[in-house]
Protein backbone atom coordinates (compact mmCIF):
# COMPACT_ATOMS: atom_id res chain seq x y z
CA MET A 1 -25.65 -3.23 18.72
CA ALA A 2 -22.70 -1.41 20.24
CA SER A 3 -23.31 -0.11 23.72
CA SER A 4 -24.03 3.61 23.95
CA THR A 5 -22.42 3.82 27.38
CA VAL A 6 -19.28 5.94 27.35
CA THR A 7 -16.67 5.25 29.98
CA PRO A 8 -15.07 8.44 31.28
CA PRO A 9 -11.34 8.84 30.68
CA ARG A 10 -9.04 7.69 33.46
CA PRO A 11 -5.86 9.74 33.16
CA ASP A 12 -4.67 8.38 36.49
CA GLN A 13 -4.18 4.97 34.85
CA PRO A 14 -1.73 5.44 31.95
CA ALA A 15 -1.39 2.67 29.39
CA ARG A 16 0.94 -0.13 30.44
CA PRO A 17 3.30 -1.48 27.76
CA ASN A 18 2.40 -4.99 26.61
CA LEU A 19 5.76 -6.65 27.22
CA ALA A 20 4.45 -10.15 26.53
CA PHE A 21 3.36 -9.18 23.03
CA ARG A 22 6.65 -7.37 22.44
CA HIS A 23 8.49 -10.54 23.46
CA LEU A 24 6.48 -12.57 20.96
CA ARG A 25 7.48 -10.19 18.16
CA GLY A 26 11.10 -11.07 18.85
CA HIS A 27 13.72 -9.74 16.42
CA ARG A 28 11.22 -8.87 13.73
CA SER A 29 10.41 -5.25 12.96
CA PRO A 30 6.83 -4.06 13.59
CA ALA A 31 6.24 -4.01 9.82
CA GLU A 32 7.48 -7.60 9.42
CA PHE A 33 5.36 -8.80 12.33
CA ALA A 34 2.32 -7.00 10.90
CA ALA A 35 2.86 -8.87 7.63
CA LEU A 36 2.85 -12.16 9.56
CA VAL A 37 -0.42 -11.15 11.21
CA ARG A 38 -2.01 -10.42 7.84
CA ARG A 39 -0.79 -13.74 6.47
CA ALA A 40 -2.16 -15.63 9.48
CA ALA A 41 -5.48 -13.87 8.99
CA ARG A 42 -5.68 -15.05 5.40
CA GLU A 43 -5.00 -18.62 6.53
CA ILE A 44 -8.21 -18.65 8.58
CA GLY A 45 -10.33 -16.55 6.25
CA GLU A 46 -10.03 -13.26 8.16
CA CYS A 47 -9.01 -9.99 6.54
CA VAL A 48 -7.28 -7.45 8.79
CA SER A 49 -5.32 -4.37 7.75
CA CYS A 50 -2.64 -4.77 10.41
CA ASP A 51 0.37 -2.49 10.00
CA ALA A 52 3.39 -1.36 12.01
CA ARG A 53 1.37 1.40 13.66
CA TYR A 54 -1.19 -1.09 14.98
CA ILE A 55 1.57 -3.30 16.39
CA GLY A 56 3.10 -0.23 18.06
CA ARG A 57 -0.23 0.64 19.67
CA VAL A 58 -0.62 -2.91 21.02
CA GLU A 59 2.91 -2.94 22.43
CA ALA A 60 2.43 0.50 23.98
CA GLY A 61 -0.67 -0.79 25.78
CA GLU A 62 -3.05 1.55 23.98
CA ILE A 63 -5.05 -1.46 22.78
CA ARG A 64 -5.69 -3.44 25.94
CA CYS A 65 -7.83 -6.04 24.20
CA PRO A 66 -8.12 -6.72 20.44
CA ASN A 67 -11.41 -6.95 18.60
CA TYR A 68 -12.80 -10.39 17.76
CA ALA A 69 -11.19 -10.64 14.34
CA TYR A 70 -7.72 -9.90 15.73
CA GLU A 71 -8.39 -12.25 18.66
CA ARG A 72 -9.02 -15.14 16.26
CA VAL A 73 -5.88 -14.29 14.31
CA PHE A 74 -3.62 -14.00 17.38
CA LEU A 75 -4.92 -17.27 18.85
CA HIS A 76 -4.31 -18.94 15.49
CA MET A 77 -0.74 -17.59 15.45
CA PHE A 78 -0.03 -18.73 19.02
CA PRO A 79 -2.03 -21.93 19.58
CA GLY A 80 -2.58 -22.98 23.17
CA ARG A 81 -2.32 -19.41 24.50
CA THR A 82 -5.05 -17.16 25.78
CA LEU A 83 -5.42 -13.41 25.32
CA THR A 84 -4.06 -13.00 28.84
CA ASP A 85 -0.97 -15.01 27.88
CA LEU A 86 -0.48 -12.54 25.01
CA GLY A 87 -0.49 -9.62 27.45
CA PHE A 88 -4.06 -8.43 26.87
CA ALA A 89 -6.60 -7.56 29.54
CA PRO A 90 -9.78 -9.65 29.94
CA ARG A 91 -12.45 -8.49 27.51
CA ALA A 92 -14.99 -7.88 30.27
CA SER A 93 -12.71 -5.36 31.95
CA VAL A 94 -12.33 -3.12 28.90
CA ARG A 95 -15.83 -2.98 27.46
CA GLY A 96 -16.09 0.77 27.97
CA ARG A 97 -14.90 3.31 25.42
CA GLY A 98 -12.75 6.32 26.15
CA ALA A 99 -13.92 9.86 25.60
CA ARG A 100 -13.17 11.74 22.39
CA ALA A 101 -9.82 13.43 22.23
CA PRO A 102 -9.93 17.23 22.32
CA GLU A 103 -8.84 17.53 18.69
CA ASP A 104 -11.79 15.37 17.62
CA GLU A 105 -14.39 17.57 19.28
CA PRO A 106 -16.53 19.61 16.88
CA CYS A 107 -15.33 23.19 16.51
CA ALA A 108 -17.30 25.89 18.25
CA HIS A 109 -18.18 27.56 14.94
CA THR A 110 -19.72 24.67 13.05
CA THR A 111 -22.61 25.63 10.81
CA ARG A 112 -24.88 22.84 12.00
CA PRO A 113 -25.36 20.98 15.30
CA GLU A 114 -23.22 17.90 15.67
CA ARG A 115 -24.32 14.63 17.15
CA THR A 116 -22.12 11.74 18.16
CA THR A 117 -22.81 8.76 15.98
CA GLY A 118 -21.67 5.19 16.19
CA ASP A 119 -19.32 5.81 13.27
CA GLU A 120 -17.70 8.74 15.04
CA ARG A 121 -17.20 6.74 18.20
CA ASN A 122 -15.60 3.90 16.28
CA THR A 123 -13.10 5.62 13.97
CA ALA A 124 -10.23 6.06 16.40
CA GLU A 125 -8.05 3.08 15.57
CA THR A 126 -6.08 5.32 13.25
CA GLY A 127 -7.09 8.51 15.03
CA GLY A 128 -5.38 10.27 17.86
CA ALA A 129 -7.69 9.24 20.69
CA HIS A 130 -6.26 6.61 23.03
CA ARG A 131 -8.85 3.98 23.79
CA PRO A 132 -8.40 0.84 25.90
CA TYR A 133 -10.55 -1.37 23.72
CA ASP A 134 -9.87 -1.94 20.03
CA THR A 135 -13.45 -1.57 18.84
CA GLN A 136 -12.99 -1.71 15.08
CA ASP A 137 -10.64 -3.04 12.48
CA PRO A 138 -11.34 -1.65 9.01
CA TYR A 139 -11.65 -5.18 7.63
CA ASP A 140 -13.40 -6.83 10.57
CA LYS A 141 -16.23 -8.72 8.87
CA TYR A 142 -17.91 -9.38 12.20
CA HIS A 143 -18.16 -5.78 13.36
CA ASP A 144 -21.63 -4.30 13.74
CA HIS A 145 -20.95 -1.76 11.00
CA GLU A 146 -20.74 -3.01 7.41
CA GLU A 147 -18.57 -0.12 6.26
CA SER A 148 -15.57 -2.31 5.41
CA ASP A 149 -17.47 -4.50 2.94
CA VAL A 150 -19.10 -1.43 1.41
CA LEU A 151 -15.68 0.13 0.91
CA ARG A 152 -14.25 -2.90 -0.83
CA ARG A 153 -17.26 -3.16 -3.13
CA ALA A 154 -17.13 0.56 -3.86
CA PHE A 155 -13.47 0.42 -4.84
CA MET A 156 -14.02 -2.44 -7.26
CA THR A 157 -17.52 -1.84 -8.65
CA GLY A 158 -18.82 1.58 -7.68
CA GLY A 159 -18.55 4.81 -9.58
CA GLY A 160 -16.26 7.67 -8.57
CA ALA A 161 -18.84 9.47 -6.43
CA THR A 162 -19.83 6.25 -4.69
CA MET A 163 -16.22 5.40 -3.99
CA ALA A 164 -15.50 8.80 -2.58
CA ALA A 165 -18.48 8.67 -0.28
CA ALA A 166 -17.72 5.16 0.88
CA THR A 167 -14.03 5.69 1.34
CA LEU A 168 -13.95 9.10 2.96
CA GLY A 169 -17.52 9.23 4.21
CA PRO A 170 -16.50 8.97 7.88
CA LEU A 171 -14.59 12.24 7.50
CA GLY A 172 -17.80 14.23 7.97
CA LEU A 173 -16.57 16.75 5.40
CA ALA A 174 -18.71 18.20 2.63
CA HIS A 175 -16.58 17.91 -0.51
CA ASP A 176 -19.18 18.76 -3.11
CA ALA A 177 -17.71 21.25 -5.56
CA SER A 178 -20.71 23.53 -5.00
CA THR A 179 -20.10 23.73 -1.26
CA ALA A 180 -18.54 27.04 -0.32
CA ARG A 181 -16.72 25.75 2.73
CA PRO A 182 -16.44 22.57 4.83
CA VAL A 183 -18.84 22.27 7.70
CA ARG A 184 -16.13 21.82 10.31
CA ARG A 185 -12.42 21.58 10.73
CA ALA A 186 -10.62 18.29 10.33
CA GLY A 187 -9.51 16.29 13.35
CA ALA A 188 -7.64 13.10 14.16
CA SER A 189 -10.50 10.87 13.01
CA GLU A 190 -10.44 12.50 9.56
CA ALA A 191 -6.66 12.06 9.37
CA GLY A 192 -7.10 8.42 10.33
CA ALA A 193 -9.74 7.85 7.66
CA LEU A 194 -7.43 9.41 5.07
CA GLU A 195 -4.55 7.14 6.09
CA GLU A 196 -6.85 4.14 5.89
CA ALA A 197 -7.97 5.13 2.37
CA VAL A 198 -4.31 4.96 1.28
CA ARG A 199 -3.93 1.48 2.80
CA ARG A 200 -7.08 0.23 1.09
CA ILE A 201 -5.97 1.43 -2.33
CA ARG A 202 -2.59 -0.28 -1.88
CA LEU A 203 -4.23 -3.50 -0.76
CA LEU A 204 -6.63 -3.58 -3.69
CA ASP A 205 -3.85 -2.73 -6.16
CA ASP A 206 -1.74 -5.61 -4.81
CA ARG A 207 -4.63 -7.99 -5.37
CA HIS A 208 -6.27 -6.74 -8.54
CA GLY A 209 -3.99 -4.30 -10.38
CA ALA A 210 -4.54 -0.66 -11.22
CA ASP A 211 -6.89 -0.54 -14.19
CA GLY A 212 -10.10 -1.13 -12.27
CA LEU A 213 -9.18 1.36 -9.57
CA TYR A 214 -7.74 4.48 -11.17
CA ARG A 215 -10.91 6.01 -12.55
CA ARG A 216 -12.53 5.67 -9.12
CA ALA A 217 -9.67 7.18 -7.13
CA ALA A 218 -9.90 10.84 -8.17
CA ALA A 219 -12.82 11.73 -5.88
CA PRO A 220 -11.13 10.60 -2.63
CA LEU A 221 -8.03 12.54 -3.66
CA ARG A 222 -10.09 15.71 -4.14
CA ALA A 223 -11.68 15.12 -0.75
CA ALA A 224 -8.24 14.69 0.81
CA TYR A 225 -7.04 18.08 -0.41
CA ALA A 226 -10.35 19.61 0.69
CA LEU A 227 -9.41 18.45 4.18
CA LEU A 228 -6.23 20.51 3.99
CA ASP A 229 -8.29 23.58 3.06
CA ALA A 230 -10.64 22.90 5.97
CA GLY A 231 -7.82 23.50 8.42
CA THR A 232 -7.29 21.97 11.85
CA THR A 233 -6.66 23.15 15.36
CA ARG A 234 -3.56 21.05 16.00
CA GLN A 235 -0.25 20.97 14.19
CA THR A 236 0.14 17.21 14.70
CA THR A 237 -3.17 16.63 12.92
CA ALA A 238 -2.22 19.07 10.15
CA ASP A 239 1.02 17.14 9.62
CA ARG A 240 -0.88 13.86 9.39
CA LEU A 241 -3.34 15.35 6.91
CA HIS A 242 -0.55 16.68 4.67
CA SER A 243 1.30 13.38 4.81
CA GLY A 244 -1.89 11.40 4.15
CA ALA A 245 -2.90 13.62 1.22
CA GLY A 246 0.58 13.32 -0.26
CA GLU A 247 0.62 9.54 0.11
CA LEU A 248 -2.83 9.34 -1.45
CA ALA A 249 -1.61 11.45 -4.39
CA ILE A 250 1.26 9.00 -4.85
CA SER A 251 -1.09 6.01 -4.65
CA VAL A 252 -3.44 7.53 -7.24
CA GLY A 253 -0.40 8.44 -9.34
CA TRP A 254 0.75 4.84 -9.21
CA LEU A 255 -2.68 3.64 -10.38
CA ALA A 256 -2.33 6.02 -13.34
CA HIS A 257 1.26 4.90 -13.93
CA ASP A 258 0.50 1.19 -13.87
CA SER A 259 -2.49 1.64 -16.19
CA GLY A 260 -0.40 3.52 -18.77
CA ARG A 261 -1.60 7.07 -18.06
CA PHE A 262 1.87 8.55 -17.71
CA ASP A 263 0.89 12.24 -17.93
CA ASP A 264 -1.68 11.81 -15.16
CA ALA A 265 0.84 9.94 -13.04
CA ARG A 266 3.45 12.67 -13.49
CA SER A 267 0.92 15.29 -12.35
CA HIS A 268 -0.03 13.32 -9.22
CA TYR A 269 3.59 12.67 -8.28
CA ALA A 270 4.38 16.37 -8.70
CA GLU A 271 1.44 17.20 -6.44
CA ALA A 272 2.79 14.85 -3.78
CA LEU A 273 6.26 16.34 -4.12
CA ALA A 274 4.89 19.85 -3.66
CA THR A 275 2.96 18.73 -0.57
CA ALA A 276 6.14 17.23 0.87
CA ARG A 277 8.14 20.39 0.21
CA VAL A 278 5.48 22.61 1.83
CA THR A 279 5.60 20.63 5.08
CA GLY A 280 9.25 19.57 5.06
CA ASP A 281 8.24 15.89 5.07
CA GLU A 282 11.41 14.09 3.98
CA GLY A 283 9.78 10.66 3.96
CA LEU A 284 7.02 11.80 1.63
CA GLU A 285 9.52 13.64 -0.57
CA ALA A 286 11.69 10.52 -0.90
CA HIS A 287 8.61 8.47 -1.81
CA ALA A 288 7.52 10.99 -4.45
CA PHE A 289 11.00 11.08 -6.00
CA CYS A 290 11.14 7.26 -5.91
CA ASN A 291 7.96 6.94 -7.95
CA THR A 292 8.99 9.79 -10.25
CA ALA A 293 12.19 7.90 -11.06
CA PHE A 294 10.22 4.74 -11.82
CA LEU A 295 7.81 6.65 -14.06
CA ALA A 296 10.65 8.38 -15.92
CA ARG A 297 12.23 5.01 -16.67
CA ASP A 298 8.97 3.59 -18.00
CA ALA A 299 8.27 6.74 -20.03
CA GLY A 300 11.61 6.49 -21.83
CA ARG A 301 13.40 9.27 -19.90
CA PRO A 302 16.26 7.29 -18.30
CA ARG A 303 18.44 10.30 -17.48
CA GLU A 304 15.58 11.87 -15.55
CA ALA A 305 15.13 8.51 -13.79
CA VAL A 306 18.75 8.59 -12.61
CA ARG A 307 18.48 12.19 -11.39
CA ALA A 308 15.21 11.60 -9.55
CA ALA A 309 16.54 8.43 -7.90
CA GLN A 310 19.70 10.23 -6.78
CA ALA A 311 17.61 13.11 -5.40
CA ALA A 312 15.51 10.57 -3.50
CA GLN A 313 18.65 9.06 -1.98
CA ARG A 314 19.89 12.45 -0.80
CA VAL A 315 16.58 13.14 0.89
CA ALA A 316 16.20 9.64 2.34
CA ARG A 317 19.70 9.20 3.75
CA PRO A 318 18.91 10.85 7.13
CA LEU A 319 15.80 8.68 7.56
CA GLY A 320 17.93 5.70 8.56
CA SER A 321 16.25 2.97 6.47
CA PRO A 322 18.69 0.72 4.55
CA ARG A 323 15.77 -0.99 2.80
CA LEU A 324 14.50 2.35 1.50
CA MET A 325 17.98 3.23 0.27
CA SER A 326 18.16 -0.21 -1.39
CA LEU A 327 14.95 0.41 -3.34
CA LEU A 328 16.16 3.85 -4.41
CA ALA A 329 19.44 2.35 -5.61
CA LEU A 330 17.38 -0.05 -7.75
CA ARG A 331 15.48 2.91 -9.20
CA GLU A 332 18.83 4.45 -10.12
CA ALA A 333 19.99 1.15 -11.63
CA GLY A 334 16.91 1.14 -13.86
CA GLY A 335 17.85 4.56 -15.17
CA TRP A 336 21.43 3.54 -15.89
CA ALA A 337 20.17 0.45 -17.74
CA GLY A 338 17.96 2.70 -19.88
CA LEU A 339 21.05 4.72 -20.75
CA ALA A 340 22.83 1.46 -21.71
CA ASP A 341 25.41 2.19 -19.00
CA ARG A 342 26.17 -1.33 -17.82
CA THR A 343 28.85 -0.24 -15.36
CA GLY A 344 26.63 2.34 -13.68
CA CYS A 345 23.80 -0.18 -13.53
CA GLU A 346 25.95 -2.91 -11.99
CA GLN A 347 27.34 -0.55 -9.36
CA ALA A 348 23.84 0.52 -8.34
CA LEU A 349 22.67 -3.11 -8.22
CA VAL A 350 25.57 -4.09 -5.96
CA ARG A 351 24.75 -1.16 -3.67
CA ALA A 352 21.07 -2.14 -3.62
CA GLN A 353 21.86 -5.72 -2.63
CA ALA A 354 24.29 -4.66 0.11
CA LEU A 355 21.76 -2.25 1.59
CA TYR A 356 19.00 -4.84 1.41
CA ASP A 357 21.17 -7.37 3.25
CA ARG A 358 21.34 -5.05 6.26
CA GLY A 359 17.79 -6.14 6.98
CA PRO A 360 14.60 -4.36 8.01
CA CYS A 361 14.36 -1.78 10.78
CA ASP A 362 11.76 0.32 12.54
CA SER A 363 12.57 3.26 10.23
CA ASP A 364 11.28 1.43 7.15
CA PRO A 365 8.29 3.34 5.72
CA GLU A 366 4.89 1.65 5.88
CA TRP A 367 4.41 2.01 2.11
CA MET A 368 7.42 -0.24 1.49
CA SER A 369 5.59 -3.38 2.62
CA PHE A 370 5.76 -4.61 -1.01
CA TYR A 371 9.56 -4.49 -1.05
CA GLY A 372 11.02 -7.87 -0.25
CA GLU A 373 13.42 -10.26 -1.90
CA ALA A 374 10.93 -10.97 -4.69
CA GLU A 375 10.66 -7.29 -5.65
CA LEU A 376 14.44 -6.90 -5.53
CA GLU A 377 14.84 -9.85 -7.91
CA GLY A 378 12.08 -8.53 -10.16
CA LEU A 379 13.60 -5.06 -10.46
CA GLU A 380 17.04 -6.54 -11.16
CA ALA A 381 15.48 -8.71 -13.85
CA GLN A 382 14.08 -5.57 -15.51
CA CYS A 383 17.55 -4.00 -15.50
CA TRP A 384 19.17 -6.99 -17.23
CA SER A 385 16.31 -7.18 -19.68
CA THR A 386 16.79 -3.52 -20.60
CA LEU A 387 20.50 -4.23 -21.13
CA GLY A 388 19.63 -7.18 -23.39
CA ASP A 389 21.08 -9.88 -21.13
CA TRP A 390 18.07 -12.21 -21.52
CA PRO A 391 19.38 -15.34 -19.72
CA ARG A 392 20.37 -13.32 -16.67
CA ALA A 393 17.09 -11.43 -16.71
CA ALA A 394 15.13 -14.70 -16.92
CA ARG A 395 16.95 -16.17 -13.92
CA HIS A 396 16.07 -13.19 -11.75
CA ALA A 397 12.49 -13.02 -13.02
CA LYS A 398 11.95 -16.70 -12.19
CA ARG A 399 13.34 -16.17 -8.70
CA ALA A 400 11.03 -13.21 -8.23
CA ALA A 401 7.94 -15.19 -9.23
CA ASP A 402 8.95 -18.13 -7.03
CA LEU A 403 9.61 -15.92 -3.99
CA GLN A 404 6.49 -13.76 -4.19
CA ASP A 405 3.83 -14.15 -1.51
CA PRO A 406 0.76 -15.75 -3.17
CA HIS A 407 -1.34 -12.91 -1.75
CA PHE A 408 0.21 -10.46 -4.24
CA SER A 409 -1.45 -11.72 -7.42
CA ARG A 410 -0.54 -8.63 -9.39
CA ASN A 411 3.18 -8.99 -8.70
CA ILE A 412 3.18 -12.72 -9.49
CA ALA A 413 1.60 -11.91 -12.84
CA LEU A 414 4.12 -9.11 -13.43
CA TYR A 415 7.21 -11.20 -12.65
CA THR A 416 5.91 -14.13 -14.70
CA ALA A 417 5.20 -11.82 -17.64
CA GLU A 418 8.76 -10.54 -17.35
CA LEU A 419 9.99 -14.13 -17.32
CA ALA A 420 7.95 -15.02 -20.41
CA ASP A 421 9.32 -12.06 -22.34
CA ASP A 422 12.93 -12.74 -21.33
CA LEU A 423 12.62 -16.40 -22.33
CA ALA A 424 11.06 -15.48 -25.67
CA ARG A 425 13.74 -12.95 -26.50
CA GLY A 426 16.43 -15.33 -25.26
CA GLY A 427 15.43 -17.97 -27.81
CA LEU A 428 13.39 -20.31 -25.60
CA PRO A 429 9.91 -20.10 -27.15
CA ASP A 430 8.41 -23.22 -25.55
CA GLU A 431 9.38 -22.15 -22.03
CA ALA A 432 8.15 -18.63 -22.79
CA ALA A 433 4.75 -19.98 -23.86
CA VAL A 434 4.41 -21.94 -20.62
CA ALA A 435 5.15 -18.82 -18.57
CA GLY A 436 2.79 -16.80 -20.74
CA MET A 437 -0.03 -19.27 -20.07
CA ARG A 438 0.50 -18.83 -16.33
CA VAL A 439 0.06 -15.08 -16.76
CA LEU A 440 -3.15 -15.57 -18.72
CA ASP A 441 -4.45 -17.73 -15.87
CA LEU A 442 -3.96 -14.77 -13.53
CA LEU A 443 -5.63 -12.16 -15.70
CA ASP A 444 -9.03 -13.08 -14.30
CA GLN A 445 -7.82 -11.65 -10.97
CA VAL A 446 -5.50 -8.88 -12.15
CA GLN A 447 -6.29 -5.83 -14.27
CA SER A 448 -3.05 -4.15 -15.32
CA SER A 449 -2.29 -2.47 -18.64
CA ARG A 450 1.41 -2.86 -17.88
CA ILE A 451 1.12 -6.64 -17.73
CA GLN A 452 -1.08 -6.85 -20.81
CA THR A 453 1.37 -4.68 -22.76
CA MET A 454 4.27 -6.93 -21.75
CA LEU A 455 2.34 -10.03 -22.75
CA ALA A 456 1.43 -8.51 -26.12
CA GLY A 457 5.14 -7.88 -26.75
CA THR A 458 5.94 -11.49 -25.88
CA ALA A 459 3.25 -12.69 -28.29
CA ARG A 460 4.80 -10.67 -31.11
CA VAL A 461 8.23 -12.15 -30.41
CA LEU A 462 6.75 -15.67 -30.43
CA LEU A 463 4.87 -15.28 -33.74
CA PRO A 464 7.71 -16.75 -35.84
CA HIS A 465 7.51 -19.89 -33.64
CA ARG A 466 3.75 -20.33 -33.91
CA ARG A 467 4.06 -23.79 -35.49
CA ALA A 468 5.27 -25.18 -32.14
CA GLY A 469 2.35 -26.73 -30.24
CA GLY A 470 2.80 -24.88 -26.94
CA VAL A 471 3.43 -21.56 -28.63
CA SER A 472 0.40 -21.96 -30.87
CA THR A 473 -1.85 -22.66 -27.87
CA PHE A 474 -0.54 -19.59 -26.06
CA LEU A 475 -0.96 -17.32 -29.09
CA GLU A 476 -4.53 -18.50 -29.69
CA ARG A 477 -5.51 -18.01 -26.06
CA HIS A 478 -3.79 -14.64 -25.90
CA ALA A 479 -5.61 -13.49 -29.04
CA SER A 480 -8.95 -14.44 -27.49
CA THR A 481 -8.29 -12.66 -24.19
CA PRO A 482 -10.32 -9.44 -23.82
CA ARG A 483 -8.23 -6.27 -23.75
CA MET A 484 -8.65 -3.58 -21.12
CA VAL A 485 -10.48 -0.47 -22.31
């Protein structure tokens, strides 16, 4: 059981930057280092949701000692070193917990008495309260609370109401439609829970695809916008809530997009765009335009894709992230390819590559963690495929599949499906069948209508070659594979 003793705040002892940990990060950006932490965790069977913000908190000294899951990961990453060598304080010296931040205190006009629960004390990793001891990682399997496992199960197997309760339950907000008003205003812990819900959806989409998630994601989104209606006492918290709600709308929109529900996706992206405009959040606006451009391309509106991608670039330019500008240039290239404008497409692809080569920086948005060399190759492959240059498209698709981190099962399946289709249309049926079989092997892990639609198209192209042994095996197995409903 977690101790109920609460250590009083000590404002006379400000957090000391962890220079040793900063030195270990070296030239990598916080986002890149966070990705290395997550990879190291997977190597030893841990599952941590480390991101650039967590790394920043460690380096700023706000987390004086990591929880046990992070300790195991860090010691695995740096064998032979102790926590002290990594710049952390001894665990025994930081066992106490800091007091709640003022913005997390219950409002004076709540409609029912509040009591401090273990969950409330332990939600501040993404909240505004500064605590010396990192008491909880959302995916720490060894923490006293089992909330993380419940959340993962709820996302994959629970119904919409169950998912909403499990995902946003710590918010302490009544979001039943029959409730006239929330019981209290939102604070930093609610904003943190909302941000974590976005991360969890992205993580599960990377691993399993969108189809099994979309129907369960509407309830958390409704709860997120209920938080905005609840109001807050601090502008910084209000900004976080608007940003979190907008990012959640984009994430839910992407689940709709990837599962073929284009009208739903368009609505969610528009909602995110409106949220960004209301608050003047340029990062959120660029993200919403980015996804709108991608959707327009997939929905057969290439001119709209070009316009949305160009609008995203205008908004994103002051943000100072070459990698973001690179991705937006690729979105524009996809639109030009849809218009059969080879010159415009090539110019955008050259610009995307040049911007990517500038490398990562601290200004890169957290949501862009998926964008690496593999994604760049995959998006370029889609452009050449749209232009009908099958050999060139196949080369880039193969590179994308080879470069992709094994953790991202959905993307490996996507790039390999692209490869299979390009090979089939380029007159290489045997090689296409081999690639198609690899995709079928991944469909046990990945649920994506996009990938299944691509594979169905490949099967149709390969039908005239069904007498070939490899092609026949692929077609038979594909025909026996259950379709998503």
